Amino acid sequence: GGGLVQAGGSLRLSCAASGVTFSSLAMGWFRQAPGKEREFVAA
C-alpha cells in the first residue's frame, strides 16, 4: 500500500501475517526515514 502522494493526501497500508494464528498477535507499525532511527507509529 505504500507509494507517492502529495502533502494533504491519504494512503492506507496493509499488513498480512501468515504461518501463525493471527488473533494471537499484537501488531505494530514503525517507520524509518533516511539517517534516522526506526520509530514507533502505532500499535
All heavy atoms as atom14 arrays in JSON, in Angstrom:
{
  "sequence": "GGGLVQAGGSLRLSCAASGVTFSSLAMGWFRQAPGKEREFVAA",
  "atom14_mask": [
    [1, 1, 1, 1, 0, 0, 0, 0, 0, 0, 0, 0, 0, 0],
    [1, 1, 1, 1, 0, 0, 0, 0, 0, 0, 0, 0, 0, 0],
    [1, 1, 1, 1, 0, 0, 0, 0, 0, 0, 0, 0, 0, 0],
    [1, 1, 1, 1, 1, 1, 1, 1, 0, 0, 0, 0, 0, 0],
    [1, 1, 1, 1, 1, 1, 1, 0, 0, 0, 0, 0, 0, 0],
    [1, 1, 1, 1, 1, 1, 1, 1, 1, 0, 0, 0, 0, 0],
    [1, 1, 1, 1, 1, 0, 0, 0, 0, 0, 0, 0, 0, 0],
    [1, 1, 1, 1, 0, 0, 0, 0, 0, 0, 0, 0, 0, 0],
    [1, 1, 1, 1, 0, 0, 0, 0, 0, 0, 0, 0, 0, 0],
    [1, 1, 1, 1, 1, 1, 0, 0, 0, 0, 0, 0, 0, 0],
    [1, 1, 1, 1, 1, 1, 1, 1, 0, 0, 0, 0, 0, 0],
    [1, 1, 1, 1, 1, 1, 1, 1, 1, 1, 1, 0, 0, 0],
    [1, 1, 1, 1, 1, 1, 1, 1, 0, 0, 0, 0, 0, 0],
    [1, 1, 1, 1, 1, 1, 0, 0, 0, 0, 0, 0, 0, 0],
    [1, 1, 1, 1, 1, 1, 0, 0, 0, 0, 0, 0, 0, 0],
    [1, 1, 1, 1, 1, 0, 0, 0, 0, 0, 0, 0, 0, 0],
    [1, 1, 1, 1, 1, 0, 0, 0, 0, 0, 0, 0, 0, 0],
    [1, 1, 1, 1, 1, 1, 0, 0, 0, 0, 0, 0, 0, 0],
    [1, 1, 1, 1, 0, 0, 0, 0, 0, 0, 0, 0, 0, 0],
    [1, 1, 1, 1, 1, 1, 1, 0, 0, 0, 0, 0, 0, 0],
    [1, 1, 1, 1, 1, 1, 1, 0, 0, 0, 0, 0, 0, 0],
    [1, 1, 1, 1, 1, 1, 1, 1, 1, 1, 1, 0, 0, 0],
    [1, 1, 1, 1, 1, 1, 0, 0, 0, 0, 0, 0, 0, 0],
    [1, 1, 1, 1, 1, 1, 0, 0, 0, 0, 0, 0, 0, 0],
    [1, 1, 1, 1, 1, 1, 1, 1, 0, 0, 0, 0, 0, 0],
    [1, 1, 1, 1, 1, 0, 0, 0, 0, 0, 0, 0, 0, 0],
    [1, 1, 1, 1, 1, 1, 1, 1, 0, 0, 0, 0, 0, 0],
    [1, 1, 1, 1, 0, 0, 0, 0, 0, 0, 0, 0, 0, 0],
    [1, 1, 1, 1, 1, 1, 1, 1, 1, 1, 1, 1, 1, 1],
    [1, 1, 1, 1, 1, 1, 1, 1, 1, 1, 1, 0, 0, 0],
    [1, 1, 1, 1, 1, 1, 1, 1, 1, 1, 1, 0, 0, 0],
    [1, 1, 1, 1, 1, 1, 1, 1, 1, 0, 0, 0, 0, 0],
    [1, 1, 1, 1, 1, 0, 0, 0, 0, 0, 0, 0, 0, 0],
    [1, 1, 1, 1, 1, 1, 1, 0, 0, 0, 0, 0, 0, 0],
    [1, 1, 1, 1, 0, 0, 0, 0, 0, 0, 0, 0, 0, 0],
    [1, 1, 1, 1, 1, 1, 1, 1, 1, 0, 0, 0, 0, 0],
    [1, 1, 1, 1, 1, 1, 1, 1, 1, 0, 0, 0, 0, 0],
    [1, 1, 1, 1, 1, 1, 1, 1, 1, 1, 1, 0, 0, 0],
    [1, 1, 1, 1, 1, 1, 1, 1, 1, 0, 0, 0, 0, 0],
    [1, 1, 1, 1, 1, 1, 1, 1, 1, 1, 1, 0, 0, 0],
    [1, 1, 1, 1, 1, 1, 1, 0, 0, 0, 0, 0, 0, 0],
    [1, 1, 1, 1, 1, 0, 0, 0, 0, 0, 0, 0, 0, 0],
    [1, 1, 1, 1, 1, 0, 0, 0, 0, 0, 0, 0, 0, 0]
  ],
  "atom14_positions": [
    [[0.77, -1.23, 0.0], [0.0, 0.0, 0.0], [0.8, 1.28, 0.0], [0.23, 2.38, -0.05], [0.0, 0.0, 0.0], [0.0, 0.0, 0.0], [0.0, 0.0, 0.0], [0.0, 0.0, 0.0], [0.0, 0.0, 0.0], [0.0, 0.0, 0.0], [0.0, 0.0, 0.0], [0.0, 0.0, 0.0], [0.0, 0.0, 0.0], [0.0, 0.0, 0.0]],
    [[2.12, 1.17, 0.07], [2.93, 2.38, 0.04], [2.91, 3.03, -1.34], [2.38, 2.47, -2.31], [0.0, 0.0, 0.0], [0.0, 0.0, 0.0], [0.0, 0.0, 0.0], [0.0, 0.0, 0.0], [0.0, 0.0, 0.0], [0.0, 0.0, 0.0], [0.0, 0.0, 0.0], [0.0, 0.0, 0.0], [0.0, 0.0, 0.0], [0.0, 0.0, 0.0]],
    [[3.49, 4.22, -1.41], [3.54, 4.91, -2.7], [3.88, 6.37, -2.54], [4.32, 6.81, -1.46], [0.0, 0.0, 0.0], [0.0, 0.0, 0.0], [0.0, 0.0, 0.0], [0.0, 0.0, 0.0], [0.0, 0.0, 0.0], [0.0, 0.0, 0.0], [0.0, 0.0, 0.0], [0.0, 0.0, 0.0], [0.0, 0.0, 0.0], [0.0, 0.0, 0.0]],
    [[3.68, 7.1, -3.61], [3.95, 8.54, -3.65], [2.62, 9.28, -3.58], [1.69, 8.97, -4.33], [4.68, 8.88, -4.95], [4.92, 10.37, -5.25], [5.82, 10.99, -4.2], [5.5, 10.53, -6.65], [0.0, 0.0, 0.0], [0.0, 0.0, 0.0], [0.0, 0.0, 0.0], [0.0, 0.0, 0.0], [0.0, 0.0, 0.0], [0.0, 0.0, 0.0]],
    [[2.56, 10.26, -2.68], [1.33, 11.03, -2.51], [1.7, 12.48, -2.21], [2.78, 12.75, -1.66], [0.47, 10.42, -1.38], [1.18, 10.51, -0.04], [-0.91, 11.05, -1.32], [0.0, 0.0, 0.0], [0.0, 0.0, 0.0], [0.0, 0.0, 0.0], [0.0, 0.0, 0.0], [0.0, 0.0, 0.0], [0.0, 0.0, 0.0], [0.0, 0.0, 0.0]],
    [[0.83, 13.39, -2.59], [1.07, 14.8, -2.29], [0.7, 15.1, -0.84], [-0.14, 14.42, -0.23], [0.24, 15.68, -3.22], [0.75, 15.7, -4.65], [0.04, 16.75, -5.5], [-1.11, 17.07, -5.26], [0.74, 17.27, -6.5], [0.0, 0.0, 0.0], [0.0, 0.0, 0.0], [0.0, 0.0, 0.0], [0.0, 0.0, 0.0], [0.0, 0.0, 0.0]],
    [[1.32, 16.13, -0.31], [1.0, 16.57, 1.05], [-0.5, 16.84, 1.16], [-1.1, 17.41, 0.26], [1.8, 17.82, 1.4], [0.0, 0.0, 0.0], [0.0, 0.0, 0.0], [0.0, 0.0, 0.0], [0.0, 0.0, 0.0], [0.0, 0.0, 0.0], [0.0, 0.0, 0.0], [0.0, 0.0, 0.0], [0.0, 0.0, 0.0], [0.0, 0.0, 0.0]],
    [[-1.07, 16.39, 2.27], [-2.51, 16.51, 2.48], [-3.3, 15.31, 2.02], [-4.49, 15.19, 2.32], [0.0, 0.0, 0.0], [0.0, 0.0, 0.0], [0.0, 0.0, 0.0], [0.0, 0.0, 0.0], [0.0, 0.0, 0.0], [0.0, 0.0, 0.0], [0.0, 0.0, 0.0], [0.0, 0.0, 0.0], [0.0, 0.0, 0.0], [0.0, 0.0, 0.0]],
    [[-2.65, 14.42, 1.29], [-3.32, 13.25, 0.76], [-3.38, 12.11, 1.77], [-2.99, 12.25, 2.93], [0.0, 0.0, 0.0], [0.0, 0.0, 0.0], [0.0, 0.0, 0.0], [0.0, 0.0, 0.0], [0.0, 0.0, 0.0], [0.0, 0.0, 0.0], [0.0, 0.0, 0.0], [0.0, 0.0, 0.0], [0.0, 0.0, 0.0], [0.0, 0.0, 0.0]],
    [[-3.9, 10.97, 1.3], [-4.1, 9.81, 2.16], [-3.54, 8.54, 1.51], [-3.49, 8.43, 0.28], [-5.6, 9.6, 2.43], [-6.16, 10.69, 3.12], [0.0, 0.0, 0.0], [0.0, 0.0, 0.0], [0.0, 0.0, 0.0], [0.0, 0.0, 0.0], [0.0, 0.0, 0.0], [0.0, 0.0, 0.0], [0.0, 0.0, 0.0], [0.0, 0.0, 0.0]],
    [[-3.17, 7.61, 2.36], [-2.79, 6.27, 1.93], [-3.26, 5.3, 3.0], [-3.36, 5.66, 4.17], [-1.27, 6.12, 1.79], [-0.57, 6.68, 0.56], [0.94, 6.53, 0.72], [-1.03, 5.97, -0.7], [0.0, 0.0, 0.0], [0.0, 0.0, 0.0], [0.0, 0.0, 0.0], [0.0, 0.0, 0.0], [0.0, 0.0, 0.0], [0.0, 0.0, 0.0]],
    [[-3.52, 4.06, 2.58], [-3.81, 3.02, 3.55], [-2.82, 1.89, 3.35], [-2.76, 1.28, 2.27], [-5.23, 2.48, 3.43], [-5.56, 1.52, 4.56], [-7.01, 1.03, 4.55], [-7.21, -0.04, 3.6], [-8.21, -0.92, 3.67], [-9.09, -0.83, 4.67], [-8.35, -1.86, 2.75], [0.0, 0.0, 0.0], [0.0, 0.0, 0.0], [0.0, 0.0, 0.0]],
    [[-2.06, 1.61, 4.38], [-1.13, 0.49, 4.37], [-1.83, -0.75, 4.91], [-2.64, -0.66, 5.83], [0.1, 0.78, 5.21], [0.89, 2.05, 4.86], [2.13, 2.14, 5.75], [1.26, 2.08, 3.4], [0.0, 0.0, 0.0], [0.0, 0.0, 0.0], [0.0, 0.0, 0.0], [0.0, 0.0, 0.0], [0.0, 0.0, 0.0], [0.0, 0.0, 0.0]],
    [[-1.48, -1.88, 4.33], [-1.99, -3.17, 4.81], [-0.82, -4.05, 5.19], [0.27, -3.94, 4.62], [-2.81, -3.86, 3.72], [-3.94, -3.09, 3.34], [0.0, 0.0, 0.0], [0.0, 0.0, 0.0], [0.0, 0.0, 0.0], [0.0, 0.0, 0.0], [0.0, 0.0, 0.0], [0.0, 0.0, 0.0], [0.0, 0.0, 0.0], [0.0, 0.0, 0.0]],
    [[-1.06, -4.94, 6.12], [-0.03, -5.89, 6.55], [-0.7, -7.23, 6.81], [-1.56, -7.34, 7.69], [0.66, -5.38, 7.8], [1.75, -6.59, 8.57], [0.0, 0.0, 0.0], [0.0, 0.0, 0.0], [0.0, 0.0, 0.0], [0.0, 0.0, 0.0], [0.0, 0.0, 0.0], [0.0, 0.0, 0.0], [0.0, 0.0, 0.0], [0.0, 0.0, 0.0]],
    [[-0.31, -8.22, 6.05], [-0.86, -9.56, 6.2], [0.16, -10.48, 6.87], [1.33, -10.47, 6.48], [-1.25, -10.12, 4.84], [0.0, 0.0, 0.0], [0.0, 0.0, 0.0], [0.0, 0.0, 0.0], [0.0, 0.0, 0.0], [0.0, 0.0, 0.0], [0.0, 0.0, 0.0], [0.0, 0.0, 0.0], [0.0, 0.0, 0.0], [0.0, 0.0, 0.0]],
    [[-0.28, -11.23, 7.83], [0.59, -12.19, 8.53], [0.09, -13.6, 8.27], [-1.12, -13.85, 8.31], [0.63, -11.9, 10.02], [0.0, 0.0, 0.0], [0.0, 0.0, 0.0], [0.0, 0.0, 0.0], [0.0, 0.0, 0.0], [0.0, 0.0, 0.0], [0.0, 0.0, 0.0], [0.0, 0.0, 0.0], [0.0, 0.0, 0.0], [0.0, 0.0, 0.0]],
    [[1.01, -14.51, 8.02], [0.66, -15.9, 7.77], [1.63, -16.82, 8.51], [2.71, -16.39, 8.93], [0.68, -16.21, 6.28], [1.96, -15.98, 5.75], [0.0, 0.0, 0.0], [0.0, 0.0, 0.0], [0.0, 0.0, 0.0], [0.0, 0.0, 0.0], [0.0, 0.0, 0.0], [0.0, 0.0, 0.0], [0.0, 0.0, 0.0], [0.0, 0.0, 0.0]],
    [[1.24, -18.07, 8.66], [2.1, -19.04, 9.33], [1.94, -19.03, 10.84], [2.66, -19.76, 11.54], [0.0, 0.0, 0.0], [0.0, 0.0, 0.0], [0.0, 0.0, 0.0], [0.0, 0.0, 0.0], [0.0, 0.0, 0.0], [0.0, 0.0, 0.0], [0.0, 0.0, 0.0], [0.0, 0.0, 0.0], [0.0, 0.0, 0.0], [0.0, 0.0, 0.0]],
    [[1.0, -18.23, 11.33], [0.75, -18.14, 12.76], [-0.7, -17.71, 12.93], [-1.27, -17.06, 12.04], [1.71, -17.13, 13.42], [1.51, -15.74, 12.87], [1.57, -17.14, 14.94], [0.0, 0.0, 0.0], [0.0, 0.0, 0.0], [0.0, 0.0, 0.0], [0.0, 0.0, 0.0], [0.0, 0.0, 0.0], [0.0, 0.0, 0.0], [0.0, 0.0, 0.0]],
    [[-1.3, -18.09, 14.05], [-2.68, -17.67, 14.31], [-2.72, -16.16, 14.51], [-2.16, -15.63, 15.47], [-3.24, -18.37, 15.55], [-3.17, -19.79, 15.34], [-4.68, -17.97, 15.79], [0.0, 0.0, 0.0], [0.0, 0.0, 0.0], [0.0, 0.0, 0.0], [0.0, 0.0, 0.0], [0.0, 0.0, 0.0], [0.0, 0.0, 0.0], [0.0, 0.0, 0.0]],
    [[-3.35, -15.46, 13.57], [-3.29, -14.01, 13.56], [-3.85, -13.4, 14.85], [-3.33, -12.42, 15.35], [-4.05, -13.47, 12.35], [-3.89, -11.99, 12.16], [-2.71, -11.45, 11.69], [-4.94, -11.12, 12.47], [-2.56, -10.07, 11.51], [-4.8, -9.76, 12.3], [-3.61, -9.23, 11.83], [0.0, 0.0, 0.0], [0.0, 0.0, 0.0], [0.0, 0.0, 0.0]],
    [[-4.88, -14.02, 15.38], [-5.51, -13.47, 16.57], [-4.64, -13.63, 17.82], [-4.99, -13.12, 18.88], [-6.87, -14.13, 16.8], [-6.73, -15.53, 16.95], [0.0, 0.0, 0.0], [0.0, 0.0, 0.0], [0.0, 0.0, 0.0], [0.0, 0.0, 0.0], [0.0, 0.0, 0.0], [0.0, 0.0, 0.0], [0.0, 0.0, 0.0], [0.0, 0.0, 0.0]],
    [[-3.5, -14.3, 17.7], [-2.56, -14.42, 18.81], [-1.5, -13.33, 18.77], [-0.6, -13.3, 19.61], [-1.87, -15.79, 18.8], [-0.96, -15.89, 17.72], [0.0, 0.0, 0.0], [0.0, 0.0, 0.0], [0.0, 0.0, 0.0], [0.0, 0.0, 0.0], [0.0, 0.0, 0.0], [0.0, 0.0, 0.0], [0.0, 0.0, 0.0], [0.0, 0.0, 0.0]],
    [[-1.59, -12.44, 17.79], [-0.56, -11.44, 17.55], [-1.0, -10.04, 17.97], [-2.07, -9.58, 17.57], [-0.2, -11.39, 16.07], [0.33, -12.65, 15.43], [0.49, -12.45, 13.92], [1.65, -13.07, 16.06], [0.0, 0.0, 0.0], [0.0, 0.0, 0.0], [0.0, 0.0, 0.0], [0.0, 0.0, 0.0], [0.0, 0.0, 0.0], [0.0, 0.0, 0.0]],
    [[-0.15, -9.38, 18.75], [-0.23, -7.93, 18.85], [0.56, -7.38, 17.67], [1.59, -7.95, 17.28], [0.36, -7.46, 20.17], [0.0, 0.0, 0.0], [0.0, 0.0, 0.0], [0.0, 0.0, 0.0], [0.0, 0.0, 0.0], [0.0, 0.0, 0.0], [0.0, 0.0, 0.0], [0.0, 0.0, 0.0], [0.0, 0.0, 0.0], [0.0, 0.0, 0.0]],
    [[0.09, -6.29, 17.1], [0.69, -5.78, 15.87], [1.12, -4.33, 16.03], [0.54, -3.58, 16.84], [-0.3, -5.87, 14.71], [-0.82, -7.27, 14.43], [0.44, -8.41, 13.86], [0.84, -7.68, 12.27], [0.0, 0.0, 0.0], [0.0, 0.0, 0.0], [0.0, 0.0, 0.0], [0.0, 0.0, 0.0], [0.0, 0.0, 0.0], [0.0, 0.0, 0.0]],
    [[2.13, -3.95, 15.27], [2.6, -2.58, 15.32], [3.08, -2.09, 13.98], [3.43, -2.89, 13.1], [0.0, 0.0, 0.0], [0.0, 0.0, 0.0], [0.0, 0.0, 0.0], [0.0, 0.0, 0.0], [0.0, 0.0, 0.0], [0.0, 0.0, 0.0], [0.0, 0.0, 0.0], [0.0, 0.0, 0.0], [0.0, 0.0, 0.0], [0.0, 0.0, 0.0]],
    [[3.07, -0.78, 13.83], [3.65, -0.12, 12.68], [4.79, 0.78, 13.17], [4.64, 1.5, 14.17], [2.62, 0.73, 11.95], [1.63, -0.03, 11.13], [0.36, -0.38, 11.49], [1.82, -0.54, 9.81], [-0.25, -1.07, 10.48], [0.63, -1.18, 9.43], [2.89, -0.51, 8.9], [0.47, -1.79, 8.18], [2.72, -1.12, 7.67], [1.53, -1.76, 7.32]],
    [[5.89, 0.74, 12.43], [7.05, 1.57, 12.69], [7.49, 2.2, 11.38], [7.07, 1.76, 10.31], [8.2, 0.74, 13.28], [7.88, 0.16, 14.63], [7.1, -0.98, 14.74], [8.33, 0.76, 15.78], [6.79, -1.52, 15.98], [8.03, 0.24, 17.03], [7.26, -0.9, 17.13], [0.0, 0.0, 0.0], [0.0, 0.0, 0.0], [0.0, 0.0, 0.0]],
    [[8.32, 3.21, 11.47], [8.85, 3.82, 10.25], [10.3, 4.24, 10.47], [10.73, 4.49, 11.59], [8.0, 5.01, 9.81], [8.02, 6.2, 10.76], [7.02, 7.25, 10.3], [7.04, 8.44, 11.15], [6.19, 9.45, 11.04], [5.23, 9.43, 10.1], [6.29, 10.5, 11.85], [0.0, 0.0, 0.0], [0.0, 0.0, 0.0], [0.0, 0.0, 0.0]],
    [[11.0, 4.31, 9.34], [12.4, 4.72, 9.4], [12.7, 5.6, 8.2], [12.58, 5.16, 7.05], [13.33, 3.51, 9.43], [14.78, 3.86, 9.69], [15.6, 2.64, 10.05], [15.2, 1.5, 9.82], [16.76, 2.88, 10.64], [0.0, 0.0, 0.0], [0.0, 0.0, 0.0], [0.0, 0.0, 0.0], [0.0, 0.0, 0.0], [0.0, 0.0, 0.0]],
    [[13.09, 6.83, 8.5], [13.5, 7.77, 7.46], [15.01, 7.68, 7.28], [15.72, 7.24, 8.2], [13.08, 9.18, 7.84], [0.0, 0.0, 0.0], [0.0, 0.0, 0.0], [0.0, 0.0, 0.0], [0.0, 0.0, 0.0], [0.0, 0.0, 0.0], [0.0, 0.0, 0.0], [0.0, 0.0, 0.0], [0.0, 0.0, 0.0], [0.0, 0.0, 0.0]],
    [[15.53, 8.09, 6.13], [16.98, 8.02, 5.89], [17.76, 8.75, 6.97], [17.43, 9.89, 7.31], [17.14, 8.69, 4.53], [15.82, 8.48, 3.86], [14.8, 8.57, 4.95], [0.0, 0.0, 0.0], [0.0, 0.0, 0.0], [0.0, 0.0, 0.0], [0.0, 0.0, 0.0], [0.0, 0.0, 0.0], [0.0, 0.0, 0.0], [0.0, 0.0, 0.0]],
    [[18.76, 8.08, 7.52], [19.61, 8.69, 8.53], [19.01, 8.79, 9.91], [19.61, 9.36, 10.81], [0.0, 0.0, 0.0], [0.0, 0.0, 0.0], [0.0, 0.0, 0.0], [0.0, 0.0, 0.0], [0.0, 0.0, 0.0], [0.0, 0.0, 0.0], [0.0, 0.0, 0.0], [0.0, 0.0, 0.0], [0.0, 0.0, 0.0], [0.0, 0.0, 0.0]],
    [[17.82, 8.2, 10.09], [17.15, 8.26, 11.39], [16.9, 6.86, 11.92], [16.91, 5.88, 11.19], [15.84, 9.03, 11.27], [16.01, 10.5, 10.93], [14.69, 11.24, 11.02], [14.87, 12.72, 10.75], [13.58, 13.45, 10.86], [0.0, 0.0, 0.0], [0.0, 0.0, 0.0], [0.0, 0.0, 0.0], [0.0, 0.0, 0.0], [0.0, 0.0, 0.0]],
    [[16.66, 6.8, 13.22], [16.35, 5.51, 13.84], [14.9, 5.13, 13.53], [14.05, 5.97, 13.24], [16.56, 5.6, 15.35], [18.01, 5.75, 15.77], [18.19, 5.65, 17.27], [17.18, 5.58, 17.99], [19.34, 5.64, 17.71], [0.0, 0.0, 0.0], [0.0, 0.0, 0.0], [0.0, 0.0, 0.0], [0.0, 0.0, 0.0], [0.0, 0.0, 0.0]],
    [[14.64, 3.83, 13.65], [13.27, 3.35, 13.48], [12.43, 3.89, 14.63], [12.83, 3.82, 15.79], [13.26, 1.83, 13.47], [11.95, 1.23, 13.04], [12.1, -0.25, 12.75], [13.02, -0.49, 11.64], [13.18, -1.69, 11.06], [12.48, -2.72, 11.48], [14.03, -1.83, 10.07], [0.0, 0.0, 0.0], [0.0, 0.0, 0.0], [0.0, 0.0, 0.0]],
    [[11.25, 4.41, 14.31], [10.41, 4.98, 15.33], [9.01, 4.37, 15.33], [8.5, 3.95, 14.29], [10.29, 6.51, 15.16], [9.59, 6.97, 13.92], [9.32, 8.46, 13.91], [9.57, 9.15, 14.92], [8.84, 8.96, 12.87], [0.0, 0.0, 0.0], [0.0, 0.0, 0.0], [0.0, 0.0, 0.0], [0.0, 0.0, 0.0], [0.0, 0.0, 0.0]],
    [[8.44, 4.36, 16.49], [7.09, 3.84, 16.68], [6.06, 4.73, 16.01], [6.15, 5.95, 16.1], [6.81, 3.75, 18.18], [5.38, 3.46, 18.53], [4.83, 2.21, 18.32], [4.57, 4.45, 19.08], [3.52, 1.94, 18.65], [3.25, 4.2, 19.42], [2.72, 2.94, 19.2], [0.0, 0.0, 0.0], [0.0, 0.0, 0.0], [0.0, 0.0, 0.0]],
    [[5.09, 4.11, 15.36], [3.99, 4.84, 14.75], [2.67, 4.5, 15.44], [1.95, 5.38, 15.9], [3.89, 4.54, 13.24], [2.66, 5.23, 12.64], [5.16, 4.98, 12.52], [0.0, 0.0, 0.0], [0.0, 0.0, 0.0], [0.0, 0.0, 0.0], [0.0, 0.0, 0.0], [0.0, 0.0, 0.0], [0.0, 0.0, 0.0], [0.0, 0.0, 0.0]],
    [[2.35, 3.21, 15.51], [1.07, 2.8, 16.09], [1.13, 1.33, 16.48], [1.9, 0.57, 15.91], [-0.08, 3.04, 15.12], [0.0, 0.0, 0.0], [0.0, 0.0, 0.0], [0.0, 0.0, 0.0], [0.0, 0.0, 0.0], [0.0, 0.0, 0.0], [0.0, 0.0, 0.0], [0.0, 0.0, 0.0], [0.0, 0.0, 0.0], [0.0, 0.0, 0.0]],
    [[0.27, 0.95, 17.44], [0.21, -0.44, 17.88], [-1.24, -0.79, 18.21], [-2.04, 0.09, 18.55], [1.1, -0.67, 19.09], [0.0, 0.0, 0.0], [0.0, 0.0, 0.0], [0.0, 0.0, 0.0], [0.0, 0.0, 0.0], [0.0, 0.0, 0.0], [0.0, 0.0, 0.0], [0.0, 0.0, 0.0], [0.0, 0.0, 0.0], [0.0, 0.0, 0.0]]
  ]
}
